[in-house]
Amino acid sequence: MKRRKIVEPADSSVFFAVLAMFLIVFVLLFSELIDCGYEIERARKRYQELLTMNQFYQAEILRLSSLPSLCQRMQQYGLSLCIPEKWSWWKFSISPQAKTGAVNGKNVVQQ
């Protein structure tokens, strides 16, 4: 016959201490996870607010750049819509060297 091992009070107190430690760690990690969820929700709401503001400003730009609005503003500021008698069309072409600002590997200050 096998003998049953008697559980001593010292063994049970160590077991409960380790169990309590694991429980505290689990609660702390779970609360941190919940806090991250709230932060993500706040960031998502802020993102939606910014998207709404962006759409509002895009609509405002389109409204202000429409032809009737431009005509109204030109009349308001006393500008005319007539084409000047002498006008010209200039086409500027920028060479790749001028874009980088380098000639023969040396930086050039453009004036």
PDB file of N, CA and C in Angstrom:
ATOM      1  N   MET A   1       0.799  -1.182   0.000  1.00  0.00           N
ATOM      2  CA  MET A   1       0.000   0.000   0.000  1.00  0.00           C
ATOM      3  C   MET A   1       0.857   1.269   0.000  1.00  0.00           C
ATOM      4  N   LYS A   2       0.340   2.210  -0.768  1.00  0.00           N
ATOM      5  CA  LYS A   2       1.068   3.477  -0.828  1.00  0.00           C
ATOM      6  C   LYS A   2       0.596   4.378   0.301  1.00  0.00           C
ATOM      7  N   ARG A   3       1.520   5.068   0.782  1.00  0.00           N
ATOM      8  CA  ARG A   3       1.215   5.989   1.850  1.00  0.00           C
ATOM      9  C   ARG A   3       0.836   7.353   1.283  1.00  0.00           C
ATOM     10  N   ARG A   4      -0.146   7.935   1.811  1.00  0.00           N
ATOM     11  CA  ARG A   4      -0.535   9.273   1.376  1.00  0.00           C
ATOM     12  C   ARG A   4       0.378  10.300   2.010  1.00  0.00           C
ATOM     13  N   LYS A   5       0.769  11.244   1.169  1.00  0.00           N
ATOM     14  CA  LYS A   5       1.646  12.292   1.671  1.00  0.00           C
ATOM     15  C   LYS A   5       0.781  13.368   2.325  1.00  0.00           C
ATOM     16  N   ILE A   6       1.140  13.771   3.464  1.00  0.00           N
ATOM     17  CA  ILE A   6       0.388  14.780   4.200  1.00  0.00           C
ATOM     18  C   ILE A   6       0.909  16.152   3.769  1.00  0.00           C
ATOM     19  N   VAL A   7      -0.011  17.029   3.413  1.00  0.00           N
ATOM     20  CA  VAL A   7       0.350  18.380   2.993  1.00  0.00           C
ATOM     21  C   VAL A   7       0.650  19.191   4.240  1.00  0.00           C
ATOM     22  N   GLU A   8       1.814  19.768   4.234  1.00  0.00           N
ATOM     23  CA  GLU A   8       2.207  20.576   5.383  1.00  0.00           C
ATOM     24  C   GLU A   8       1.750  22.013   5.167  1.00  0.00           C
ATOM     25  N   PRO A   9       1.532  22.725   6.245  1.00  0.00           N
ATOM     26  CA  PRO A   9       1.078  24.122   6.116  1.00  0.00           C
ATOM     27  C   PRO A   9       2.092  25.010   5.394  1.00  0.00           C
ATOM     28  N   ALA A  10       3.371  24.723   5.509  1.00  0.00           N
ATOM     29  CA  ALA A  10       4.388  25.545   4.834  1.00  0.00           C
ATOM     30  C   ALA A  10       4.283  25.397   3.316  1.00  0.00           C
ATOM     31  N   ASP A  11       4.004  24.187   2.841  1.00  0.00           N
ATOM     32  CA  ASP A  11       3.855  23.973   1.397  1.00  0.00           C
ATOM     33  C   ASP A  11       2.632  24.711   0.857  1.00  0.00           C
ATOM     34  N   SER A  12       1.547  24.683   1.580  1.00  0.00           N
ATOM     35  CA  SER A  12       0.336  25.345   1.105  1.00  0.00           C
ATOM     36  C   SER A  12       0.504  26.867   1.096  1.00  0.00           C
ATOM     37  N   SER A  13       1.233  27.430   2.051  1.00  0.00           N
ATOM     38  CA  SER A  13       1.425  28.879   2.065  1.00  0.00           C
ATOM     39  C   SER A  13       2.296  29.323   0.892  1.00  0.00           C
ATOM     40  N   VAL A  14       3.290  28.529   0.515  1.00  0.00           N
ATOM     41  CA  VAL A  14       4.119  28.843  -0.655  1.00  0.00           C
ATOM     42  C   VAL A  14       3.274  28.761  -1.922  1.00  0.00           C
ATOM     43  N   PHE A  15       2.440  27.734  -1.994  1.00  0.00           N
ATOM     44  CA  PHE A  15       1.567  27.573  -3.156  1.00  0.00           C
ATOM     45  C   PHE A  15       0.640  28.772  -3.307  1.00  0.00           C
ATOM     46  N   PHE A  16       0.019  29.209  -2.219  1.00  0.00           N
ATOM     47  CA  PHE A  16      -0.898  30.350  -2.282  1.00  0.00           C
ATOM     48  C   PHE A  16      -0.156  31.655  -2.579  1.00  0.00           C
ATOM     49  N   ALA A  17       1.069  31.779  -2.109  1.00  0.00           N
ATOM     50  CA  ALA A  17       1.855  32.980  -2.399  1.00  0.00           C
ATOM     51  C   ALA A  17       2.191  33.043  -3.885  1.00  0.00           C
ATOM     52  N   VAL A  18       2.601  31.929  -4.459  1.00  0.00           N
ATOM     53  CA  VAL A  18       2.907  31.886  -5.890  1.00  0.00           C
ATOM     54  C   VAL A  18       1.641  32.113  -6.708  1.00  0.00           C
ATOM     55  N   LEU A  19       0.541  31.502  -6.271  1.00  0.00           N
ATOM     56  CA  LEU A  19      -0.737  31.697  -6.959  1.00  0.00           C
ATOM     57  C   LEU A  19      -1.169  33.159  -6.905  1.00  0.00           C
ATOM     58  N   ALA A  20      -1.014  33.804  -5.764  1.00  0.00           N
ATOM     59  CA  ALA A  20      -1.371  35.220  -5.631  1.00  0.00           C
ATOM     60  C   ALA A  20      -0.489  36.087  -6.521  1.00  0.00           C
ATOM     61  N   MET A  21       0.805  35.763  -6.590  1.00  0.00           N
ATOM     62  CA  MET A  21       1.716  36.525  -7.445  1.00  0.00           C
ATOM     63  C   MET A  21       1.296  36.413  -8.918  1.00  0.00           C
ATOM     64  N   PHE A  22       0.991  35.190  -9.369  1.00  0.00           N
ATOM     65  CA  PHE A  22       0.541  35.014 -10.750  1.00  0.00           C
ATOM     66  C   PHE A  22      -0.776  35.727 -11.004  1.00  0.00           C
ATOM     67  N   LEU A  23      -1.667  35.731 -10.038  1.00  0.00           N
ATOM     68  CA  LEU A  23      -2.948  36.412 -10.180  1.00  0.00           C
ATOM     69  C   LEU A  23      -2.744  37.919 -10.305  1.00  0.00           C
ATOM     70  N   ILE A  24      -1.843  38.472  -9.500  1.00  0.00           N
ATOM     71  CA  ILE A  24      -1.560  39.918  -9.567  1.00  0.00           C
ATOM     72  C   ILE A  24      -0.942  40.278 -10.915  1.00  0.00           C
ATOM     73  N   VAL A  25      -0.018  39.478 -11.391  1.00  0.00           N
ATOM     74  CA  VAL A  25       0.603  39.733 -12.702  1.00  0.00           C
ATOM     75  C   VAL A  25      -0.444  39.653 -13.809  1.00  0.00           C
ATOM     76  N   PHE A  26      -1.333  38.670 -13.735  1.00  0.00           N
ATOM     77  CA  PHE A  26      -2.387  38.530 -14.735  1.00  0.00           C
ATOM     78  C   PHE A  26      -3.303  39.739 -14.734  1.00  0.00           C
ATOM     79  N   VAL A  27      -3.692  40.218 -13.556  1.00  0.00           N
ATOM     80  CA  VAL A  27      -4.579  41.379 -13.459  1.00  0.00           C
ATOM     81  C   VAL A  27      -3.882  42.621 -14.002  1.00  0.00           C
ATOM     82  N   LEU A  28      -2.597  42.804 -13.685  1.00  0.00           N
ATOM     83  CA  LEU A  28      -1.870  43.963 -14.196  1.00  0.00           C
ATOM     84  C   LEU A  28      -1.751  43.929 -15.717  1.00  0.00           C
ATOM     85  N   LEU A  29      -1.431  42.780 -16.274  1.00  0.00           N
ATOM     86  CA  LEU A  29      -1.325  42.668 -17.732  1.00  0.00           C
ATOM     87  C   LEU A  29      -2.672  42.883 -18.411  1.00  0.00           C
ATOM     88  N   PHE A  30      -3.714  42.343 -17.816  1.00  0.00           N
ATOM     89  CA  PHE A  30      -5.045  42.501 -18.400  1.00  0.00           C
ATOM     90  C   PHE A  30      -5.497  43.958 -18.330  1.00  0.00           C
ATOM     91  N   SER A  31      -5.196  44.649 -17.213  1.00  0.00           N
ATOM     92  CA  SER A  31      -5.566  46.064 -17.123  1.00  0.00           C
ATOM     93  C   SER A  31      -4.768  46.894 -18.125  1.00  0.00           C
ATOM     94  N   GLU A  32      -3.514  46.521 -18.358  1.00  0.00           N
ATOM     95  CA  GLU A  32      -2.703  47.222 -19.367  1.00  0.00           C
ATOM     96  C   GLU A  32      -3.290  47.018 -20.763  1.00  0.00           C
ATOM     97  N   LEU A  33      -3.768  45.825 -21.028  1.00  0.00           N
ATOM     98  CA  LEU A  33      -4.397  45.530 -22.317  1.00  0.00           C
ATOM     99  C   LEU A  33      -5.681  46.339 -22.495  1.00  0.00           C
ATOM    100  N   ILE A  34      -6.452  46.464 -21.447  1.00  0.00           N
ATOM    101  CA  ILE A  34      -7.683  47.266 -21.510  1.00  0.00           C
ATOM    102  C   ILE A  34      -7.333  48.732 -21.745  1.00  0.00           C
ATOM    103  N   ASP A  35      -6.299  49.225 -21.068  1.00  0.00           N
ATOM    104  CA  ASP A  35      -5.869  50.610 -21.258  1.00  0.00           C
ATOM    105  C   ASP A  35      -5.417  50.860 -22.693  1.00  0.00           C
ATOM    106  N   CYS A  36      -4.701  49.907 -23.283  1.00  0.00           N
ATOM    107  CA  CYS A  36      -4.292  50.035 -24.693  1.00  0.00           C
ATOM    108  C   CYS A  36      -5.514  50.104 -25.602  1.00  0.00           C
ATOM    109  N   GLY A  37      -6.531  49.325 -25.289  1.00  0.00           N
ATOM    110  CA  GLY A  37      -7.767  49.363 -26.072  1.00  0.00           C
ATOM    111  C   GLY A  37      -8.421  50.729 -26.018  1.00  0.00           C
ATOM    112  N   TYR A  38      -8.451  51.351 -24.825  1.00  0.00           N
ATOM    113  CA  TYR A  38      -9.022  52.694 -24.703  1.00  0.00           C
ATOM    114  C   TYR A  38      -8.197  53.715 -25.482  1.00  0.00           C
ATOM    115  N   GLU A  39      -6.874  53.599 -25.438  1.00  0.00           N
ATOM    116  CA  GLU A  39      -6.024  54.525 -26.192  1.00  0.00           C
ATOM    117  C   GLU A  39      -6.236  54.366 -27.693  1.00  0.00           C
ATOM    118  N   ILE A  40      -6.390  53.147 -28.145  1.00  0.00           N
ATOM    119  CA  ILE A  40      -6.649  52.912 -29.571  1.00  0.00           C
ATOM    120  C   ILE A  40      -7.987  53.513 -29.965  1.00  0.00           C
ATOM    121  N   GLU A  41      -8.981  53.388 -29.103  1.00  0.00           N
ATOM    122  CA  GLU A  41     -10.300  53.958 -29.395  1.00  0.00           C
ATOM    123  C   GLU A  41     -10.223  55.486 -29.463  1.00  0.00           C
ATOM    124  N   ARG A  42      -9.475  56.100 -28.535  1.00  0.00           N
ATOM    125  CA  ARG A  42      -9.308  57.553 -28.572  1.00  0.00           C
ATOM    126  C   ARG A  42      -8.590  57.990 -29.850  1.00  0.00           C
ATOM    127  N   ALA A  43      -7.578  57.242 -30.244  1.00  0.00           N
ATOM    128  CA  ALA A  43      -6.842  57.579 -31.472  1.00  0.00           C
ATOM    129  C   ALA A  43      -7.734  57.424 -32.697  1.00  0.00           C
ATOM    130  N   ARG A  44      -8.593  56.395 -32.694  1.00  0.00           N
ATOM    131  CA  ARG A  44      -9.508  56.192 -33.820  1.00  0.00           C
ATOM    132  C   ARG A  44     -10.512  57.333 -33.911  1.00  0.00           C
ATOM    133  N   LYS A  45     -11.021  57.795 -32.768  1.00  0.00           N
ATOM    134  CA  LYS A  45     -11.964  58.924 -32.774  1.00  0.00           C
ATOM    135  C   LYS A  45     -11.282  60.196 -33.269  1.00  0.00           C
ATOM    136  N   ARG A  46     -10.047  60.421 -32.827  1.00  0.00           N
ATOM    137  CA  ARG A  46      -9.315  61.605 -33.274  1.00  0.00           C
ATOM    138  C   ARG A  46      -9.053  61.532 -34.776  1.00  0.00           C
ATOM    139  N   TYR A  47      -8.735  60.359 -35.275  1.00  0.00           N
ATOM    140  CA  TYR A  47      -8.515  60.170 -36.706  1.00  0.00           C
ATOM    141  C   TYR A  47      -9.790  60.481 -37.487  1.00  0.00           C
ATOM    142  N   GLN A  48     -10.931  60.030 -36.987  1.00  0.00           N
ATOM    143  CA  GLN A  48     -12.197  60.322 -37.658  1.00  0.00           C
ATOM    144  C   GLN A  48     -12.491  61.819 -37.635  1.00  0.00           C
ATOM    145  N   GLU A  49     -12.192  62.482 -36.508  1.00  0.00           N
ATOM    146  CA  GLU A  49     -12.390  63.931 -36.445  1.00  0.00           C
ATOM    147  C   GLU A  49     -11.521  64.646 -37.474  1.00  0.00           C
ATOM    148  N   LEU A  50     -10.272  64.229 -37.576  1.00  0.00           N
ATOM    149  CA  LEU A  50      -9.375  64.862 -38.543  1.00  0.00           C
ATOM    150  C   LEU A  50      -9.810  64.605 -39.976  1.00  0.00           C
ATOM    151  N   LEU A  51     -10.321  63.393 -40.256  1.00  0.00           N
ATOM    152  CA  LEU A  51     -10.840  63.123 -41.598  1.00  0.00           C
ATOM    153  C   LEU A  51     -12.036  64.015 -41.911  1.00  0.00           C
ATOM    154  N   THR A  52     -12.909  64.207 -40.941  1.00  0.00           N
ATOM    155  CA  THR A  52     -14.076  65.067 -41.142  1.00  0.00           C
ATOM    156  C   THR A  52     -13.640  66.511 -41.384  1.00  0.00           C
ATOM    157  N   MET A  53     -12.686  66.987 -40.583  1.00  0.00           N
ATOM    158  CA  MET A  53     -12.183  68.350 -40.786  1.00  0.00           C
ATOM    159  C   MET A  53     -11.537  68.489 -42.153  1.00  0.00           C
ATOM    160  N   ASN A  54     -10.786  67.476 -42.577  1.00  0.00           N
ATOM    161  CA  ASN A  54     -10.134  67.497 -43.878  1.00  0.00           C
ATOM    162  C   ASN A  54     -11.170  67.578 -44.999  1.00  0.00           C
ATOM    163  N   GLN A  55     -12.225  66.790 -44.892  1.00  0.00           N
ATOM    164  CA  GLN A  55     -13.279  66.832 -45.914  1.00  0.00           C
ATOM    165  C   GLN A  55     -13.957  68.198 -45.928  1.00  0.00           C
ATOM    166  N   PHE A  56     -14.171  68.774 -44.742  1.00  0.00           N
ATOM    167  CA  PHE A  56     -14.783  70.099 -44.668  1.00  0.00           C
ATOM    168  C   PHE A  56     -13.902  71.133 -45.361  1.00  0.00           C
ATOM    169  N   TYR A  57     -12.593  71.098 -45.076  1.00  0.00           N
ATOM    170  CA  TYR A  57     -11.692  72.076 -45.692  1.00  0.00           C
ATOM    171  C   TYR A  57     -11.560  71.863 -47.199  1.00  0.00           C
ATOM    172  N   GLN A  58     -11.576  70.620 -47.650  1.00  0.00           N
ATOM    173  CA  GLN A  58     -11.541  70.369 -49.088  1.00  0.00           C
ATOM    174  C   GLN A  58     -12.794  70.924 -49.768  1.00  0.00           C
ATOM    175  N   ALA A  59     -13.952  70.744 -49.142  1.00  0.00           N
ATOM    176  CA  ALA A  59     -15.195  71.286 -49.692  1.00  0.00           C
ATOM    177  C   ALA A  59     -15.151  72.812 -49.703  1.00  0.00           C
ATOM    178  N   GLU A  60     -14.591  73.400 -48.658  1.00  0.00           N
ATOM    179  CA  GLU A  60     -14.490  74.856 -48.591  1.00  0.00           C
ATOM    180  C   GLU A  60     -13.563  75.382 -49.687  1.00  0.00           C
ATOM    181  N   ILE A  61     -12.459  74.692 -49.935  1.00  0.00           N
ATOM    182  CA  ILE A  61     -11.536  75.100 -51.001  1.00  0.00           C
ATOM    183  C   ILE A  61     -12.220  74.996 -52.360  1.00  0.00           C
ATOM    184  N   LEU A  62     -12.953  73.912 -52.580  1.00  0.00           N
ATOM    185  CA  LEU A  62     -13.675  73.773 -53.854  1.00  0.00           C
ATOM    186  C   LEU A  62     -14.733  74.857 -54.014  1.00  0.00           C
ATOM    187  N   ARG A  63     -15.419  75.191 -52.923  1.00  0.00           N
ATOM    188  CA  ARG A  63     -16.447  76.233 -52.998  1.00  0.00           C
ATOM    189  C   ARG A  63     -15.814  77.587 -53.305  1.00  0.00           C
ATOM    190  N   LEU A  64     -14.704  77.896 -52.644  1.00  0.00           N
ATOM    191  CA  LEU A  64     -14.073  79.199 -52.855  1.00  0.00           C
ATOM    192  C   LEU A  64     -13.356  79.293 -54.198  1.00  0.00           C
ATOM    193  N   SER A  65     -12.963  78.170 -54.770  1.00  0.00           N
ATOM    194  CA  SER A  65     -12.270  78.226 -56.058  1.00  0.00           C
ATOM    195  C   SER A  65     -13.220  78.021 -57.240  1.00  0.00           C
ATOM    196  N   SER A  66     -14.506  77.978 -56.989  1.00  0.00           N
ATOM    197  CA  SER A  66     -15.469  77.852 -58.092  1.00  0.00           C
ATOM    198  C   SER A  66     -15.554  79.183 -58.849  1.00  0.00           C
ATOM    199  N   LEU A  67     -15.994  79.107 -60.083  1.00  0.00           N
ATOM    200  CA  LEU A  67     -16.036  80.301 -60.934  1.00  0.00           C
ATOM    201  C   LEU A  67     -16.952  81.389 -60.383  1.00  0.00           C
ATOM    202  N   PRO A  68     -18.166  81.082 -59.927  1.00  0.00           N
ATOM    203  CA  PRO A  68     -18.995  82.175 -59.373  1.00  0.00           C
ATOM    204  C   PRO A  68     -18.364  82.840 -58.149  1.00  0.00           C
ATOM    205  N   SER A  69     -17.736  82.057 -57.312  1.00  0.00           N
ATOM    206  CA  SER A  69     -17.098  82.630 -56.133  1.00  0.00           C
ATOM    207  C   SER A  69     -15.914  83.499 -56.519  1.00  0.00           C
ATOM    208  N   LEU A  70     -15.128  83.043 -57.512  1.00  0.00           N
ATOM    209  CA  LEU A  70     -14.004  83.853 -57.974  1.00  0.00           C
ATOM    210  C   LEU A  70     -14.476  85.154 -58.613  1.00  0.00           C
ATOM    211  N   CYS A  71     -15.552  85.082 -59.407  1.00  0.00           N
ATOM    212  CA  CYS A  71     -16.099  86.303 -60.022  1.00  0.00           C
ATOM    213  C   CYS A  71     -16.581  87.283 -58.955  1.00  0.00           C
ATOM    214  N   GLN A  72     -17.232  86.759 -57.930  1.00  0.00           N
ATOM    215  CA  GLN A  72     -17.718  87.611 -56.844  1.00  0.00           C
ATOM    216  C   GLN A  72     -16.556  88.281 -56.116  1.00  0.00           C
ATOM    217  N   ARG A  73     -15.519  87.541 -55.851  1.00  0.00           N
ATOM    218  CA  ARG A  73     -14.361  88.118 -55.164  1.00  0.00           C
ATOM    219  C   ARG A  73     -13.647  89.141 -56.051  1.00  0.00           C
ATOM    220  N   MET A  74     -13.561  88.880 -57.346  1.00  0.00           N
ATOM    221  CA  MET A  74     -12.920  89.839 -58.243  1.00  0.00           C
ATOM    222  C   MET A  74     -13.710  91.135 -58.296  1.00  0.00           C
ATOM    223  N   GLN A  75     -15.035  91.046 -58.318  1.00  0.00           N
ATOM    224  CA  GLN A  75     -15.857  92.255 -58.292  1.00  0.00           C
ATOM    225  C   GLN A  75     -15.711  92.966 -56.953  1.00  0.00           C
ATOM    226  N   GLN A  76     -15.615  92.196 -55.893  1.00  0.00           N
ATOM    227  CA  GLN A  76     -15.478  92.759 -54.551  1.00  0.00           C
ATOM    228  C   GLN A  76     -14.181  93.548 -54.423  1.00  0.00           C
ATOM    229  N   TYR A  77     -13.098  93.039 -55.005  1.00  0.00           N
ATOM    230  CA  TYR A  77     -11.808  93.716 -54.909  1.00  0.00           C
ATOM    231  C   TYR A  77     -11.504  94.604 -56.107  1.00  0.00           C
ATOM    232  N   GLY A  78     -12.431  94.739 -57.032  1.00  0.00           N
ATOM    233  CA  GLY A  78     -12.263  95.648 -58.154  1.00  0.00           C
ATOM    234  C   GLY A  78     -11.315  95.143 -59.220  1.00  0.00           C
ATOM    235  N   LEU A  79     -11.219  93.870 -59.408  1.00  0.00           N
ATOM    236  CA  LEU A  79     -10.369  93.297 -60.444  1.00  0.00           C
ATOM    237  C   LEU A  79     -11.214  92.997 -61.677  1.00  0.00           C
ATOM    238  N   SER A  80     -10.598  93.085 -62.844  1.00  0.00           N
ATOM    239  CA  SER A  80     -11.348  92.813 -64.068  1.00  0.00           C
ATOM    240  C   SER A  80     -10.949  91.454 -64.628  1.00  0.00           C
ATOM    241  N   LEU A  81     -11.836  90.910 -65.431  1.00  0.00           N
ATOM    242  CA  LEU A  81     -11.593  89.615 -66.044  1.00  0.00           C
ATOM    243  C   LEU A  81     -11.100  89.720 -67.481  1.00  0.00           C
ATOM    244  N   CYS A  82     -10.802  90.931 -67.955  1.00  0.00           N
ATOM    245  CA  CYS A  82     -10.387  91.086 -69.344  1.00  0.00           C
ATOM    246  C   CYS A  82      -8.940  90.630 -69.533  1.00  0.00           C
ATOM    247  N   ILE A  83      -8.655  90.166 -70.743  1.00  0.00           N
ATOM    248  CA  ILE A  83      -7.311  89.703 -71.084  1.00  0.00           C
ATOM    249  C   ILE A  83      -6.514  90.907 -71.552  1.00  0.00           C
ATOM    250  N   PRO A  84      -5.311  91.102 -71.027  1.00  0.00           N
ATOM    251  CA  PRO A  84      -4.505  92.248 -71.457  1.00  0.00           C
ATOM    252  C   PRO A  84      -4.149  92.151 -72.944  1.00  0.00           C
ATOM    253  N   GLU A  85      -3.890  93.327 -73.570  1.00  0.00           N
ATOM    254  CA  GLU A  85      -3.580  93.344 -74.990  1.00  0.00           C
ATOM    255  C   GLU A  85      -2.246  92.648 -75.274  1.00  0.00           C
ATOM    256  N   LYS A  86      -1.270  92.923 -74.475  1.00  0.00           N
ATOM    257  CA  LYS A  86       0.038  92.311 -74.669  1.00  0.00           C
ATOM    258  C   LYS A  86       0.234  91.259 -73.582  1.00  0.00           C
ATOM    259  N   TRP A  87       0.231  90.064 -74.013  1.00  0.00           N
ATOM    260  CA  TRP A  87       0.480  88.975 -73.059  1.00  0.00           C
ATOM    261  C   TRP A  87       1.336  87.948 -73.757  1.00  0.00           C
ATOM    262  N   SER A  88       2.009  87.182 -73.006  1.00  0.00           N
ATOM    263  CA  SER A  88       2.864  86.153 -73.599  1.00  0.00           C
ATOM    264  C   SER A  88       2.810  84.910 -72.724  1.00  0.00           C
ATOM    265  N   TRP A  89       3.183  83.850 -73.338  1.00  0.00           N
ATOM    266  CA  TRP A  89       3.201  82.567 -72.662  1.00  0.00           C
ATOM    267  C   TRP A  89       4.657  82.156 -72.517  1.00  0.00           C
ATOM    268  N   TRP A  90       5.104  81.995 -71.323  1.00  0.00           N
ATOM    269  CA  TRP A  90       6.488  81.607 -71.075  1.00  0.00           C
ATOM    270  C   TRP A  90       6.519  80.182 -70.611  1.00  0.00           C
ATOM    271  N   LYS A  91       7.469  79.466 -71.162  1.00  0.00           N
ATOM    272  CA  LYS A  91       7.645  78.092 -70.738  1.00  0.00           C
ATOM    273  C   LYS A  91       9.036  77.968 -70.142  1.00  0.00           C
ATOM    274  N   PHE A  92       9.079  77.521 -68.921  1.00  0.00           N
ATOM    275  CA  PHE A  92      10.359  77.350 -68.240  1.00  0.00           C
ATOM    276  C   PHE A  92      10.682  75.871 -68.207  1.00  0.00           C
ATOM    277  N   SER A  93      11.879  75.550 -68.612  1.00  0.00           N
ATOM    278  CA  SER A  93      12.328  74.167 -68.500  1.00  0.00           C
ATOM    279  C   SER A  93      13.538  74.149 -67.573  1.00  0.00           C
ATOM    280  N   ILE A  94      13.526  73.217 -66.667  1.00  0.00           N
ATOM    281  CA  ILE A  94      14.604  73.113 -65.689  1.00  0.00           C
ATOM    282  C   ILE A  94      15.403  71.871 -66.017  1.00  0.00           C
ATOM    283  N   SER A  95      16.688  72.071 -66.191  1.00  0.00           N
ATOM    284  CA  SER A  95      17.549  70.940 -66.519  1.00  0.00           C
ATOM    285  C   SER A  95      17.752  70.077 -65.272  1.00  0.00           C
ATOM    286  N   PRO A  96      18.101  68.819 -65.457  1.00  0.00           N
ATOM    287  CA  PRO A  96      18.345  67.953 -64.288  1.00  0.00           C
ATOM    288  C   PRO A  96      19.465  68.472 -63.397  1.00  0.00           C
ATOM    289  N   GLN A  97      20.453  69.161 -63.995  1.00  0.00           N
ATOM    290  CA  GLN A  97      21.535  69.715 -63.183  1.00  0.00           C
ATOM    291  C   GLN A  97      21.016  70.832 -62.286  1.00  0.00           C
ATOM    292  N   ALA A  98      20.117  71.644 -62.821  1.00  0.00           N
ATOM    293  CA  ALA A  98      19.588  72.750 -62.030  1.00  0.00           C
ATOM    294  C   ALA A  98      18.683  72.233 -60.912  1.00  0.00           C
ATOM    295  N   LYS A  99      18.007  71.107 -61.150  1.00  0.00           N
ATOM    296  CA  LYS A  99      17.149  70.544 -60.106  1.00  0.00           C
ATOM    297  C   LYS A  99      17.967  70.081 -58.914  1.00  0.00           C
ATOM    298  N   THR A 100      19.090  69.431 -59.178  1.00  0.00           N
ATOM    299  CA  THR A 100      19.916  68.925 -58.087  1.00  0.00           C
ATOM    300  C   THR A 100      20.815  70.004 -57.515  1.00  0.00           C
ATOM    301  N   GLY A 101      21.096  71.048 -58.288  1.00  0.00           N
ATOM    302  CA  GLY A 101      21.967  72.106 -57.824  1.00  0.00           C
ATOM    303  C   GLY A 101      23.431  71.728 -57.861  1.00  0.00           C
ATOM    304  N   ALA A 102      23.779  70.755 -58.674  1.00  0.00           N
ATOM    305  CA  ALA A 102      25.166  70.303 -58.739  1.00  0.00           C
ATOM    306  C   ALA A 102      25.664  70.360 -60.168  1.00  0.00           C
ATOM    307  N   VAL A 103      26.900  70.860 -60.334  1.00  0.00           N
ATOM    308  CA  VAL A 103      27.554  70.880 -61.631  1.00  0.00           C
ATOM    309  C   VAL A 103      28.908  70.212 -61.452  1.00  0.00           C
ATOM    310  N   ASN A 104      29.149  69.161 -62.185  1.00  0.00           N
ATOM    311  CA  ASN A 104      30.395  68.394 -62.099  1.00  0.00           C
ATOM    312  C   ASN A 104      30.673  67.924 -60.660  1.00  0.00           C
ATOM    313  N   GLY A 105      29.622  67.564 -59.972  1.00  0.00           N
ATOM    314  CA  GLY A 105      29.783  67.031 -58.633  1.00  0.00           C
ATOM    315  C   GLY A 105      29.935  68.078 -57.542  1.00  0.00           C
ATOM    316  N   LYS A 106      29.856  69.375 -57.904  1.00  0.00           N
ATOM    317  CA  LYS A 106      30.003  70.439 -56.914  1.00  0.00           C
ATOM    318  C   LYS A 106      28.667  71.166 -56.763  1.00  0.00           C
ATOM    319  N   ASN A 107      28.361  71.514 -55.552  1.00  0.00           N
ATOM    320  CA  ASN A 107      27.125  72.249 -55.313  1.00  0.00           C
ATOM    321  C   ASN A 107      27.263  73.686 -55.777  1.00  0.00           C
ATOM    322  N   VAL A 108      26.215  74.174 -56.433  1.00  0.00           N
ATOM    323  CA  VAL A 108      26.220  75.527 -56.967  1.00  0.00           C
ATOM    324  C   VAL A 108      25.072  76.281 -56.333  1.00  0.00           C
ATOM    325  N   VAL A 109      25.350  77.506 -55.895  1.00  0.00           N
ATOM    326  CA  VAL A 109      24.301  78.341 -55.331  1.00  0.00           C
ATOM    327  C   VAL A 109      23.659  79.090 -56.482  1.00  0.00           C
ATOM    328  N   GLN A 110      22.358  78.916 -56.647  1.00  0.00           N
ATOM    329  CA  GLN A 110      21.664  79.572 -57.748  1.00  0.00           C
ATOM    330  C   GLN A 110      21.170  80.927 -57.264  1.00  0.00           C
ATOM    331  N   GLN A 111      21.367  81.934 -58.117  1.00  0.00           N
ATOM    332  CA  GLN A 111      20.943  83.285 -57.738  1.00  0.00           C
ATOM    333  C   GLN A 111      19.839  83.752 -58.639  1.00  0.00           C
TER     334      GLN A 111
END
